[in-house]
Amino acid sequence: MTKYCPKCGSSNIDWIIPQDRSKWRCKDCGYIGALIIEDGELAEEIRKRKN
């Protein structure tokens, strides 16, 4: 399942520390946090509202 950034809707995210899967980092907007989006439709809405 694809995961998305809750701030910008990008799927370009990765774990900060691979052994600690509780924190994610978005490589596009710099978001760091535990919350991620798994709903592609919601991610699309986030991207639309950001632009």
Foldseek 3Di string as FASTA:
>chain_A
DQKAAPQALDSQKDAPDVVDLQWMAHPPPGDIGRDIDPDNVSSVVSNVVVD
